[in-house]
Amino acid sequence: MARLGDIAHARSGDKGTGANIGIIAYKPEGYAWLERNLTAGHVEAFFGSMEPGAVKRYELPNLGALNFVLPEVLAGGGSRSLRIDAQGKTLGQTALEMTIDIDEETLAAARKD
């Protein structure tokens, strides 16, 4: 077991009432693991208490990244939401705390040096 942040970094921001989270692997080995294992369902479940809506995943292999769109996670968006992070800037950092089931060999190869 490890943290998602052990093999990737993230960037996030608002898109109206929703937000997107980019998960960018440090190395190709990490991207291969992400592509096989990090599903929209995992992200939706992780943010479940925030009622993110039906999460969609987009693959960006040329960037070694996955982009997740959480269409309802901001509960109205920057001008209407009462959430502390109404613009979704911290969602990426939060996602990096997700626990992942990754074997030690892949983890070692995918970590940032």
PDB file of N, CA and C in Angstrom:
ATOM      1  N   MET A   1       0.837  -1.177   0.000  1.00  0.00           N
ATOM      2  CA  MET A   1       0.000   0.000   0.000  1.00  0.00           C
ATOM      3  C   MET A   1       0.886   1.245   0.000  1.00  0.00           C
ATOM      4  N   ALA A   2       0.397   2.256  -0.689  1.00  0.00           N
ATOM      5  CA  ALA A   2       1.124   3.516  -0.787  1.00  0.00           C
ATOM      6  C   ALA A   2       0.108   4.634  -0.997  1.00  0.00           C
ATOM      7  N   ARG A   3       0.598   5.839  -1.073  1.00  0.00           N
ATOM      8  CA  ARG A   3      -0.232   7.006  -1.416  1.00  0.00           C
ATOM      9  C   ARG A   3      -0.119   7.243  -2.911  1.00  0.00           C
ATOM     10  N   LEU A   4      -1.186   7.727  -3.512  1.00  0.00           N
ATOM     11  CA  LEU A   4      -1.142   8.107  -4.918  1.00  0.00           C
ATOM     12  C   LEU A   4      -0.026   9.125  -5.145  1.00  0.00           C
ATOM     13  N   GLY A   5       0.178  10.003  -4.183  1.00  0.00           N
ATOM     14  CA  GLY A   5       1.217  11.021  -4.278  1.00  0.00           C
ATOM     15  C   GLY A   5       2.636  10.471  -4.321  1.00  0.00           C
ATOM     16  N   ASP A   6       2.808   9.183  -4.041  1.00  0.00           N
ATOM     17  CA  ASP A   6       4.132   8.580  -4.145  1.00  0.00           C
ATOM     18  C   ASP A   6       4.551   8.374  -5.594  1.00  0.00           C
ATOM     19  N   ILE A   7       3.571   8.296  -6.510  1.00  0.00           N
ATOM     20  CA  ILE A   7       3.898   8.033  -7.917  1.00  0.00           C
ATOM     21  C   ILE A   7       3.432   9.135  -8.864  1.00  0.00           C
ATOM     22  N   ALA A   8       2.765  10.169  -8.324  1.00  0.00           N
ATOM     23  CA  ALA A   8       2.202  11.207  -9.201  1.00  0.00           C
ATOM     24  C   ALA A   8       2.073  12.532  -8.466  1.00  0.00           C
ATOM     25  N   HIS A   9       1.921  13.569  -9.239  1.00  0.00           N
ATOM     26  CA  HIS A   9       1.548  14.873  -8.694  1.00  0.00           C
ATOM     27  C   HIS A   9       0.232  15.266  -9.349  1.00  0.00           C
ATOM     28  N   ALA A  10      -0.338  16.394  -8.941  1.00  0.00           N
ATOM     29  CA  ALA A  10      -1.693  16.728  -9.404  1.00  0.00           C
ATOM     30  C   ALA A  10      -1.869  18.229  -9.584  1.00  0.00           C
ATOM     31  N   ARG A  11      -2.901  18.540 -10.351  1.00  0.00           N
ATOM     32  CA  ARG A  11      -3.326  19.924 -10.553  1.00  0.00           C
ATOM     33  C   ARG A  11      -4.837  19.890 -10.682  1.00  0.00           C
ATOM     34  N   SER A  12      -5.504  20.847 -10.087  1.00  0.00           N
ATOM     35  CA  SER A  12      -6.970  20.860 -10.149  1.00  0.00           C
ATOM     36  C   SER A  12      -7.493  22.279 -10.198  1.00  0.00           C
ATOM     37  N   GLY A  13      -8.749  22.393 -10.613  1.00  0.00           N
ATOM     38  CA  GLY A  13      -9.393  23.700 -10.658  1.00  0.00           C
ATOM     39  C   GLY A  13     -10.846  23.586 -11.051  1.00  0.00           C
ATOM     40  N   ASP A  14     -11.525  24.710 -10.955  1.00  0.00           N
ATOM     41  CA  ASP A  14     -12.970  24.723 -11.164  1.00  0.00           C
ATOM     42  C   ASP A  14     -13.367  24.825 -12.625  1.00  0.00           C
ATOM     43  N   LYS A  15     -14.517  24.274 -12.889  1.00  0.00           N
ATOM     44  CA  LYS A  15     -15.180  24.360 -14.196  1.00  0.00           C
ATOM     45  C   LYS A  15     -16.669  24.563 -13.894  1.00  0.00           C
ATOM     46  N   GLY A  16     -17.032  25.754 -13.434  1.00  0.00           N
ATOM     47  CA  GLY A  16     -18.417  26.012 -13.038  1.00  0.00           C
ATOM     48  C   GLY A  16     -18.730  25.286 -11.744  1.00  0.00           C
ATOM     49  N   THR A  17     -19.787  24.501 -11.751  1.00  0.00           N
ATOM     50  CA  THR A  17     -20.157  23.731 -10.563  1.00  0.00           C
ATOM     51  C   THR A  17     -19.303  22.485 -10.385  1.00  0.00           C
ATOM     52  N   GLY A  18     -18.505  22.157 -11.399  1.00  0.00           N
ATOM     53  CA  GLY A  18     -17.639  20.992 -11.339  1.00  0.00           C
ATOM     54  C   GLY A  18     -16.186  21.377 -11.243  1.00  0.00           C
ATOM     55  N   ALA A  19     -15.346  20.371 -11.264  1.00  0.00           N
ATOM     56  CA  ALA A  19     -13.900  20.595 -11.220  1.00  0.00           C
ATOM     57  C   ALA A  19     -13.225  19.483 -11.997  1.00  0.00           C
ATOM     58  N   ASN A  20     -11.991  19.742 -12.355  1.00  0.00           N
ATOM     59  CA  ASN A  20     -11.194  18.675 -12.948  1.00  0.00           C
ATOM     60  C   ASN A  20      -9.926  18.497 -12.134  1.00  0.00           C
ATOM     61  N   ILE A  21      -9.463  17.251 -12.131  1.00  0.00           N
ATOM     62  CA  ILE A  21      -8.239  16.899 -11.415  1.00  0.00           C
ATOM     63  C   ILE A  21      -7.332  16.172 -12.398  1.00  0.00           C
ATOM     64  N   GLY A  22      -6.174  16.743 -12.632  1.00  0.00           N
ATOM     65  CA  GLY A  22      -5.160  16.087 -13.449  1.00  0.00           C
ATOM     66  C   GLY A  22      -4.199  15.341 -12.545  1.00  0.00           C
ATOM     67  N   ILE A  23      -4.028  14.048 -12.791  1.00  0.00           N
ATOM     68  CA  ILE A  23      -3.069  13.226 -12.050  1.00  0.00           C
ATOM     69  C   ILE A  23      -1.947  12.902 -13.025  1.00  0.00           C
ATOM     70  N   ILE A  24      -0.744  13.399 -12.732  1.00  0.00           N
ATOM     71  CA  ILE A  24       0.384  13.300 -13.650  1.00  0.00           C
ATOM     72  C   ILE A  24       1.459  12.402 -13.039  1.00  0.00           C
ATOM     73  N   ALA A  25       1.758  11.315 -13.701  1.00  0.00           N
ATOM     74  CA  ALA A  25       2.751  10.359 -13.191  1.00  0.00           C
ATOM     75  C   ALA A  25       4.147  10.967 -13.259  1.00  0.00           C
ATOM     76  N   TYR A  26       4.962  10.611 -12.283  1.00  0.00           N
ATOM     77  CA  TYR A  26       6.356  11.041 -12.309  1.00  0.00           C
ATOM     78  C   TYR A  26       7.146  10.328 -13.408  1.00  0.00           C
ATOM     79  N   LYS A  27       6.801   9.057 -13.652  1.00  0.00           N
ATOM     80  CA  LYS A  27       7.561   8.246 -14.598  1.00  0.00           C
ATOM     81  C   LYS A  27       6.610   7.404 -15.442  1.00  0.00           C
ATOM     82  N   PRO A  28       7.085   6.910 -16.588  1.00  0.00           N
ATOM     83  CA  PRO A  28       6.235   6.053 -17.432  1.00  0.00           C
ATOM     84  C   PRO A  28       5.671   4.832 -16.703  1.00  0.00           C
ATOM     85  N   GLU A  29       6.454   4.256 -15.793  1.00  0.00           N
ATOM     86  CA  GLU A  29       5.965   3.099 -15.028  1.00  0.00           C
ATOM     87  C   GLU A  29       4.752   3.476 -14.183  1.00  0.00           C
ATOM     88  N   GLY A  30       4.774   4.687 -13.664  1.00  0.00           N
ATOM     89  CA  GLY A  30       3.640   5.168 -12.877  1.00  0.00           C
ATOM     90  C   GLY A  30       2.419   5.401 -13.737  1.00  0.00           C
ATOM     91  N   TYR A  31       2.627   5.957 -14.920  1.00  0.00           N
ATOM     92  CA  TYR A  31       1.488   6.162 -15.820  1.00  0.00           C
ATOM     93  C   TYR A  31       0.868   4.831 -16.219  1.00  0.00           C
ATOM     94  N   ALA A  32       1.693   3.846 -16.512  1.00  0.00           N
ATOM     95  CA  ALA A  32       1.164   2.525 -16.877  1.00  0.00           C
ATOM     96  C   ALA A  32       0.302   1.971 -15.751  1.00  0.00           C
ATOM     97  N   TRP A  33       0.758   2.150 -14.506  1.00  0.00           N
ATOM     98  CA  TRP A  33      -0.032   1.672 -13.374  1.00  0.00           C
ATOM     99  C   TRP A  33      -1.343   2.462 -13.263  1.00  0.00           C
ATOM    100  N   LEU A  34      -1.257   3.789 -13.378  1.00  0.00           N
ATOM    101  CA  LEU A  34      -2.457   4.633 -13.301  1.00  0.00           C
ATOM    102  C   LEU A  34      -3.476   4.245 -14.369  1.00  0.00           C
ATOM    103  N   GLU A  35      -3.004   4.071 -15.577  1.00  0.00           N
ATOM    104  CA  GLU A  35      -3.896   3.745 -16.692  1.00  0.00           C
ATOM    105  C   GLU A  35      -4.643   2.437 -16.446  1.00  0.00           C
ATOM    106  N   ARG A  36      -3.961   1.478 -15.859  1.00  0.00           N
ATOM    107  CA  ARG A  36      -4.584   0.167 -15.582  1.00  0.00           C
ATOM    108  C   ARG A  36      -5.484   0.185 -14.348  1.00  0.00           C
ATOM    109  N   ASN A  37      -5.163   1.015 -13.364  1.00  0.00           N
ATOM    110  CA  ASN A  37      -5.777   0.855 -12.047  1.00  0.00           C
ATOM    111  C   ASN A  37      -6.604   2.016 -11.512  1.00  0.00           C
ATOM    112  N   LEU A  38      -6.309   3.233 -11.899  1.00  0.00           N
ATOM    113  CA  LEU A  38      -7.032   4.375 -11.320  1.00  0.00           C
ATOM    114  C   LEU A  38      -8.245   4.705 -12.182  1.00  0.00           C
ATOM    115  N   THR A  39      -9.394   4.211 -11.778  1.00  0.00           N
ATOM    116  CA  THR A  39     -10.616   4.369 -12.563  1.00  0.00           C
ATOM    117  C   THR A  39     -11.420   5.579 -12.098  1.00  0.00           C
ATOM    118  N   ALA A  40     -12.366   5.967 -12.930  1.00  0.00           N
ATOM    119  CA  ALA A  40     -13.300   7.026 -12.550  1.00  0.00           C
ATOM    120  C   ALA A  40     -14.073   6.609 -11.308  1.00  0.00           C
ATOM    121  N   GLY A  41     -14.401   5.321 -11.210  1.00  0.00           N
ATOM    122  CA  GLY A  41     -15.111   4.813 -10.041  1.00  0.00           C
ATOM    123  C   GLY A  41     -14.331   4.976  -8.750  1.00  0.00           C
ATOM    124  N   HIS A  42     -13.012   4.764  -8.813  1.00  0.00           N
ATOM    125  CA  HIS A  42     -12.180   4.958  -7.620  1.00  0.00           C
ATOM    126  C   HIS A  42     -12.209   6.416  -7.172  1.00  0.00           C
ATOM    127  N   VAL A  43     -12.073   7.326  -8.124  1.00  0.00           N
ATOM    128  CA  VAL A  43     -12.078   8.755  -7.793  1.00  0.00           C
ATOM    129  C   VAL A  43     -13.449   9.171  -7.276  1.00  0.00           C
ATOM    130  N   GLU A  44     -14.497   8.698  -7.921  1.00  0.00           N
ATOM    131  CA  GLU A  44     -15.860   9.016  -7.481  1.00  0.00           C
ATOM    132  C   GLU A  44     -16.093   8.530  -6.052  1.00  0.00           C
ATOM    133  N   ALA A  45     -15.649   7.324  -5.732  1.00  0.00           N
ATOM    134  CA  ALA A  45     -15.808   6.786  -4.382  1.00  0.00           C
ATOM    135  C   ALA A  45     -14.981   7.588  -3.367  1.00  0.00           C
ATOM    136  N   PHE A  46     -13.748   7.964  -3.748  1.00  0.00           N
ATOM    137  CA  PHE A  46     -12.877   8.705  -2.837  1.00  0.00           C
ATOM    138  C   PHE A  46     -13.500  10.050  -2.450  1.00  0.00           C
ATOM    139  N   PHE A  47     -14.136  10.713  -3.408  1.00  0.00           N
ATOM    140  CA  PHE A  47     -14.770  12.007  -3.153  1.00  0.00           C
ATOM    141  C   PHE A  47     -16.272  11.874  -2.877  1.00  0.00           C
ATOM    142  N   GLY A  48     -16.722  10.669  -2.580  1.00  0.00           N
ATOM    143  CA  GLY A  48     -18.143  10.386  -2.417  1.00  0.00           C
ATOM    144  C   GLY A  48     -18.883  11.293  -1.452  1.00  0.00           C
ATOM    145  N   SER A  49     -18.276  11.662  -0.350  1.00  0.00           N
ATOM    146  CA  SER A  49     -18.959  12.509   0.630  1.00  0.00           C
ATOM    147  C   SER A  49     -19.232  13.915   0.090  1.00  0.00           C
ATOM    148  N   MET A  50     -18.540  14.284  -0.982  1.00  0.00           N
ATOM    149  CA  MET A  50     -18.745  15.608  -1.594  1.00  0.00           C
ATOM    150  C   MET A  50     -19.744  15.554  -2.747  1.00  0.00           C
ATOM    151  N   GLU A  51     -20.299  14.356  -3.001  1.00  0.00           N
ATOM    152  CA  GLU A  51     -21.274  14.168  -4.076  1.00  0.00           C
ATOM    153  C   GLU A  51     -20.763  14.744  -5.406  1.00  0.00           C
ATOM    154  N   PRO A  52     -19.702  14.127  -5.956  1.00  0.00           N
ATOM    155  CA  PRO A  52     -19.058  14.674  -7.144  1.00  0.00           C
ATOM    156  C   PRO A  52     -19.827  14.497  -8.445  1.00  0.00           C
ATOM    157  N   GLY A  53     -20.879  13.698  -8.446  1.00  0.00           N
ATOM    158  CA  GLY A  53     -21.564  13.373  -9.690  1.00  0.00           C
ATOM    159  C   GLY A  53     -20.842  12.229 -10.376  1.00  0.00           C
ATOM    160  N   ALA A  54     -21.263  11.923 -11.596  1.00  0.00           N
ATOM    161  CA  ALA A  54     -20.662  10.816 -12.354  1.00  0.00           C
ATOM    162  C   ALA A  54     -19.307  11.251 -12.907  1.00  0.00           C
ATOM    163  N   VAL A  55     -18.246  10.790 -12.297  1.00  0.00           N
ATOM    164  CA  VAL A  55     -16.888  11.178 -12.671  1.00  0.00           C
ATOM    165  C   VAL A  55     -16.527  10.563 -14.021  1.00  0.00           C
ATOM    166  N   LYS A  56     -15.870  11.362 -14.844  1.00  0.00           N
ATOM    167  CA  LYS A  56     -15.383  10.890 -16.146  1.00  0.00           C
ATOM    168  C   LYS A  56     -13.861  10.947 -16.145  1.00  0.00           C
ATOM    169  N   ARG A  57     -13.252   9.969 -16.803  1.00  0.00           N
ATOM    170  CA  ARG A  57     -11.798   9.900 -16.895  1.00  0.00           C
ATOM    171  C   ARG A  57     -11.371  10.069 -18.341  1.00  0.00           C
ATOM    172  N   TYR A  58     -10.335  10.885 -18.532  1.00  0.00           N
ATOM    173  CA  TYR A  58      -9.736  11.079 -19.848  1.00  0.00           C
ATOM    174  C   TYR A  58      -8.254  10.738 -19.749  1.00  0.00           C
ATOM    175  N   GLU A  59      -7.765  10.013 -20.727  1.00  0.00           N
ATOM    176  CA  GLU A  59      -6.362   9.601 -20.748  1.00  0.00           C
ATOM    177  C   GLU A  59      -5.549  10.550 -21.623  1.00  0.00           C
ATOM    178  N   LEU A  60      -4.395  10.921 -21.133  1.00  0.00           N
ATOM    179  CA  LEU A  60      -3.471  11.801 -21.854  1.00  0.00           C
ATOM    180  C   LEU A  60      -2.096  11.141 -21.872  1.00  0.00           C
ATOM    181  N   PRO A  61      -1.935  10.073 -22.654  1.00  0.00           N
ATOM    182  CA  PRO A  61      -0.685   9.307 -22.610  1.00  0.00           C
ATOM    183  C   PRO A  61       0.549  10.121 -22.994  1.00  0.00           C
ATOM    184  N   ASN A  62       0.382  11.082 -23.881  1.00  0.00           N
ATOM    185  CA  ASN A  62       1.544  11.892 -24.280  1.00  0.00           C
ATOM    186  C   ASN A  62       2.059  12.759 -23.130  1.00  0.00           C
ATOM    187  N   LEU A  63       1.211  12.989 -22.123  1.00  0.00           N
ATOM    188  CA  LEU A  63       1.613  13.754 -20.942  1.00  0.00           C
ATOM    189  C   LEU A  63       1.850  12.851 -19.739  1.00  0.00           C
ATOM    190  N   GLY A  64       1.561  11.567 -19.879  1.00  0.00           N
ATOM    191  CA  GLY A  64       1.662  10.645 -18.750  1.00  0.00           C
ATOM    192  C   GLY A  64       0.655  10.988 -17.670  1.00  0.00           C
ATOM    193  N   ALA A  65      -0.546  11.383 -18.101  1.00  0.00           N
ATOM    194  CA  ALA A  65      -1.527  11.894 -17.147  1.00  0.00           C
ATOM    195  C   ALA A  65      -2.934  11.363 -17.406  1.00  0.00           C
ATOM    196  N   LEU A  66      -3.724  11.419 -16.356  1.00  0.00           N
ATOM    197  CA  LEU A  66      -5.158  11.161 -16.445  1.00  0.00           C
ATOM    198  C   LEU A  66      -5.861  12.417 -15.962  1.00  0.00           C
ATOM    199  N   ASN A  67      -6.959  12.764 -16.614  1.00  0.00           N
ATOM    200  CA  ASN A  67      -7.757  13.908 -16.185  1.00  0.00           C
ATOM    201  C   ASN A  67      -9.125  13.390 -15.765  1.00  0.00           C
ATOM    202  N   PHE A  68      -9.554  13.774 -14.580  1.00  0.00           N
ATOM    203  CA  PHE A  68     -10.851  13.371 -14.059  1.00  0.00           C
ATOM    204  C   PHE A  68     -11.744  14.602 -13.944  1.00  0.00           C
ATOM    205  N   VAL A  69     -12.955  14.487 -14.460  1.00  0.00           N
ATOM    206  CA  VAL A  69     -13.934  15.567 -14.357  1.00  0.00           C
ATOM    207  C   VAL A  69     -14.979  15.140 -13.340  1.00  0.00           C
ATOM    208  N   LEU A  70     -15.162  15.967 -12.319  1.00  0.00           N
ATOM    209  CA  LEU A  70     -16.131  15.739 -11.255  1.00  0.00           C
ATOM    210  C   LEU A  70     -17.209  16.806 -11.427  1.00  0.00           C
ATOM    211  N   PRO A  71     -18.299  16.512 -12.143  1.00  0.00           N
ATOM    212  CA  PRO A  71     -19.217  17.545 -12.626  1.00  0.00           C
ATOM    213  C   PRO A  71     -20.025  18.297 -11.580  1.00  0.00           C
ATOM    214  N   GLU A  72     -20.170  17.756 -10.387  1.00  0.00           N
ATOM    215  CA  GLU A  72     -21.003  18.413  -9.366  1.00  0.00           C
ATOM    216  C   GLU A  72     -20.266  18.697  -8.063  1.00  0.00           C
ATOM    217  N   VAL A  73     -18.989  18.454  -8.003  1.00  0.00           N
ATOM    218  CA  VAL A  73     -18.250  18.463  -6.748  1.00  0.00           C
ATOM    219  C   VAL A  73     -18.198  19.827  -6.051  1.00  0.00           C
ATOM    220  N   LEU A  74     -18.394  20.914  -6.759  1.00  0.00           N
ATOM    221  CA  LEU A  74     -18.265  22.238  -6.141  1.00  0.00           C
ATOM    222  C   LEU A  74     -19.592  22.810  -5.637  1.00  0.00           C
ATOM    223  N   ALA A  75     -20.653  22.033  -5.752  1.00  0.00           N
ATOM    224  CA  ALA A  75     -21.945  22.422  -5.166  1.00  0.00           C
ATOM    225  C   ALA A  75     -22.358  23.842  -5.564  1.00  0.00           C
ATOM    226  N   GLY A  76     -22.318  24.141  -6.841  1.00  0.00           N
ATOM    227  CA  GLY A  76     -22.752  25.446  -7.319  1.00  0.00           C
ATOM    228  C   GLY A  76     -21.649  26.323  -7.873  1.00  0.00           C
ATOM    229  N   GLY A  77     -20.420  26.035  -7.541  1.00  0.00           N
ATOM    230  CA  GLY A  77     -19.305  26.788  -8.082  1.00  0.00           C
ATOM    231  C   GLY A  77     -18.861  27.950  -7.214  1.00  0.00           C
ATOM    232  N   GLY A  78     -17.834  28.639  -7.695  1.00  0.00           N
ATOM    233  CA  GLY A  78     -17.167  29.688  -6.936  1.00  0.00           C
ATOM    234  C   GLY A  78     -18.056  30.779  -6.393  1.00  0.00           C
ATOM    235  N   SER A  79     -19.062  31.195  -7.131  1.00  0.00           N
ATOM    236  CA  SER A  79     -19.900  32.304  -6.673  1.00  0.00           C
ATOM    237  C   SER A  79     -21.099  31.859  -5.844  1.00  0.00           C
ATOM    238  N   ARG A  80     -21.403  30.545  -5.822  1.00  0.00           N
ATOM    239  CA  ARG A  80     -22.584  30.070  -5.103  1.00  0.00           C
ATOM    240  C   ARG A  80     -22.292  29.087  -3.986  1.00  0.00           C
ATOM    241  N   SER A  81     -21.179  28.429  -4.052  1.00  0.00           N
ATOM    242  CA  SER A  81     -20.885  27.364  -3.099  1.00  0.00           C
ATOM    243  C   SER A  81     -20.466  27.914  -1.742  1.00  0.00           C
ATOM    244  N   LEU A  82     -20.856  27.208  -0.703  1.00  0.00           N
ATOM    245  CA  LEU A  82     -20.426  27.549   0.650  1.00  0.00           C
ATOM    246  C   LEU A  82     -19.236  26.708   1.093  1.00  0.00           C
ATOM    247  N   ARG A  83     -18.695  25.930   0.184  1.00  0.00           N
ATOM    248  CA  ARG A  83     -17.551  25.084   0.508  1.00  0.00           C
ATOM    249  C   ARG A  83     -16.306  25.940   0.719  1.00  0.00           C
ATOM    250  N   ILE A  84     -15.418  25.462   1.559  1.00  0.00           N
ATOM    251  CA  ILE A  84     -14.178  26.186   1.846  1.00  0.00           C
ATOM    252  C   ILE A  84     -13.361  26.390   0.576  1.00  0.00           C
ATOM    253  N   ASP A  85     -13.306  25.361  -0.258  1.00  0.00           N
ATOM    254  CA  ASP A  85     -12.555  25.431  -1.516  1.00  0.00           C
ATOM    255  C   ASP A  85     -13.555  25.453  -2.676  1.00  0.00           C
ATOM    256  N   ALA A  86     -14.236  26.551  -2.845  1.00  0.00           N
ATOM    257  CA  ALA A  86     -15.297  26.655  -3.855  1.00  0.00           C
ATOM    258  C   ALA A  86     -14.767  26.635  -5.282  1.00  0.00           C
ATOM    259  N   GLN A  87     -13.455  26.728  -5.457  1.00  0.00           N
ATOM    260  CA  GLN A  87     -12.885  26.693  -6.803  1.00  0.00           C
ATOM    261  C   GLN A  87     -12.071  25.431  -7.073  1.00  0.00           C
ATOM    262  N   GLY A  88     -12.089  24.497  -6.166  1.00  0.00           N
ATOM    263  CA  GLY A  88     -11.477  23.192  -6.409  1.00  0.00           C
ATOM    264  C   GLY A  88      -9.962  23.165  -6.479  1.00  0.00           C
ATOM    265  N   LYS A  89      -9.295  24.179  -5.946  1.00  0.00           N
ATOM    266  CA  LYS A  89      -7.835  24.243  -6.058  1.00  0.00           C
ATOM    267  C   LYS A  89      -7.122  23.193  -5.223  1.00  0.00           C
ATOM    268  N   THR A  90      -7.755  22.704  -4.150  1.00  0.00           N
ATOM    269  CA  THR A  90      -7.093  21.728  -3.288  1.00  0.00           C
ATOM    270  C   THR A  90      -7.511  20.286  -3.578  1.00  0.00           C
ATOM    271  N   LEU A  91      -8.424  20.070  -4.512  1.00  0.00           N
ATOM    272  CA  LEU A  91      -8.892  18.715  -4.797  1.00  0.00           C
ATOM    273  C   LEU A  91      -7.768  17.804  -5.281  1.00  0.00           C
ATOM    274  N   GLY A  92      -6.866  18.329  -6.067  1.00  0.00           N
ATOM    275  CA  GLY A  92      -5.743  17.532  -6.555  1.00  0.00           C
ATOM    276  C   GLY A  92      -4.854  17.064  -5.411  1.00  0.00           C
ATOM    277  N   GLN A  93      -4.542  17.964  -4.494  1.00  0.00           N
ATOM    278  CA  GLN A  93      -3.720  17.586  -3.346  1.00  0.00           C
ATOM    279  C   GLN A  93      -4.431  16.560  -2.484  1.00  0.00           C
ATOM    280  N   THR A  94      -5.735  16.706  -2.352  1.00  0.00           N
ATOM    281  CA  THR A  94      -6.522  15.732  -1.594  1.00  0.00           C
ATOM    282  C   THR A  94      -6.474  14.367  -2.274  1.00  0.00           C
ATOM    283  N   ALA A  95      -6.618  14.339  -3.586  1.00  0.00           N
ATOM    284  CA  ALA A  95      -6.587  13.075  -4.330  1.00  0.00           C
ATOM    285  C   ALA A  95      -5.267  12.342  -4.128  1.00  0.00           C
ATOM    286  N   LEU A  96      -4.174  13.076  -3.966  1.00  0.00           N
ATOM    287  CA  LEU A  96      -2.866  12.440  -3.795  1.00  0.00           C
ATOM    288  C   LEU A  96      -2.761  11.670  -2.482  1.00  0.00           C
ATOM    289  N   GLU A  97      -3.699  11.886  -1.569  1.00  0.00           N
ATOM    290  CA  GLU A  97      -3.717  11.146  -0.304  1.00  0.00           C
ATOM    291  C   GLU A  97      -4.440   9.803  -0.433  1.00  0.00           C
ATOM    292  N   MET A  98      -5.017   9.524  -1.612  1.00  0.00           N
ATOM    293  CA  MET A  98      -5.708   8.259  -1.840  1.00  0.00           C
ATOM    294  C   MET A  98      -4.724   7.107  -1.637  1.00  0.00           C
ATOM    295  N   THR A  99      -5.159   6.080  -0.911  1.00  0.00           N
ATOM    296  CA  THR A  99      -4.348   4.886  -0.716  1.00  0.00           C
ATOM    297  C   THR A  99      -4.487   3.995  -1.942  1.00  0.00           C
ATOM    298  N   ILE A 100      -3.346   3.544  -2.444  1.00  0.00           N
ATOM    299  CA  ILE A 100      -3.354   2.677  -3.626  1.00  0.00           C
ATOM    300  C   ILE A 100      -2.689   1.345  -3.299  1.00  0.00           C
ATOM    301  N   ASP A 101      -3.171   0.302  -3.932  1.00  0.00           N
ATOM    302  CA  ASP A 101      -2.620  -1.039  -3.769  1.00  0.00           C
ATOM    303  C   ASP A 101      -1.672  -1.291  -4.938  1.00  0.00           C
ATOM    304  N   ILE A 102      -0.397  -1.062  -4.693  1.00  0.00           N
ATOM    305  CA  ILE A 102       0.623  -1.162  -5.735  1.00  0.00           C
ATOM    306  C   ILE A 102       1.757  -2.041  -5.213  1.00  0.00           C
ATOM    307  N   ASP A 103       2.247  -2.924  -6.044  1.00  0.00           N
ATOM    308  CA  ASP A 103       3.323  -3.806  -5.603  1.00  0.00           C
ATOM    309  C   ASP A 103       4.620  -3.012  -5.436  1.00  0.00           C
ATOM    310  N   GLU A 104       5.499  -3.521  -4.582  1.00  0.00           N
ATOM    311  CA  GLU A 104       6.739  -2.819  -4.219  1.00  0.00           C
ATOM    312  C   GLU A 104       7.649  -2.558  -5.415  1.00  0.00           C
ATOM    313  N   GLU A 105       7.731  -3.503  -6.331  1.00  0.00           N
ATOM    314  CA  GLU A 105       8.600  -3.342  -7.509  1.00  0.00           C
ATOM    315  C   GLU A 105       8.112  -2.177  -8.389  1.00  0.00           C
ATOM    316  N   THR A 106       6.817  -2.133  -8.654  1.00  0.00           N
ATOM    317  CA  THR A 106       6.256  -1.051  -9.470  1.00  0.00           C
ATOM    318  C   THR A 106       6.383   0.275  -8.730  1.00  0.00           C
ATOM    319  N   LEU A 107       6.118   0.265  -7.445  1.00  0.00           N
ATOM    320  CA  LEU A 107       6.245   1.488  -6.646  1.00  0.00           C
ATOM    321  C   LEU A 107       7.653   2.043  -6.721  1.00  0.00           C
ATOM    322  N   ALA A 108       8.640   1.181  -6.570  1.00  0.00           N
ATOM    323  CA  ALA A 108      10.036   1.626  -6.627  1.00  0.00           C
ATOM    324  C   ALA A 108      10.380   2.216  -7.981  1.00  0.00           C
ATOM    325  N   ALA A 109       9.875   1.604  -9.056  1.00  0.00           N
ATOM    326  CA  ALA A 109      10.166   2.080 -10.410  1.00  0.00           C
ATOM    327  C   ALA A 109       9.421   3.369 -10.736  1.00  0.00           C
ATOM    328  N   ALA A 110       8.269   3.609 -10.091  1.00  0.00           N
ATOM    329  CA  ALA A 110       7.414   4.744 -10.437  1.00  0.00           C
ATOM    330  C   ALA A 110       7.637   5.984  -9.583  1.00  0.00           C
ATOM    331  N   ARG A 111       8.334   5.834  -8.467  1.00  0.00           N
ATOM    332  CA  ARG A 111       8.565   6.965  -7.551  1.00  0.00           C
ATOM    333  C   ARG A 111       9.419   8.055  -8.186  1.00  0.00           C
ATOM    334  N   LYS A 112       9.171   9.262  -7.736  1.00  0.00           N
ATOM    335  CA  LYS A 112      10.048  10.377  -8.103  1.00  0.00           C
ATOM    336  C   LYS A 112      11.381  10.160  -7.406  1.00  0.00           C
ATOM    337  N   ASP A 113      12.470  10.317  -8.114  1.00  0.00           N
ATOM    338  CA  ASP A 113      13.794  10.073  -7.515  1.00  0.00           C
ATOM    339  C   ASP A 113      14.230  11.182  -6.614  1.00  0.00           C
TER     340      ASP A 113
END
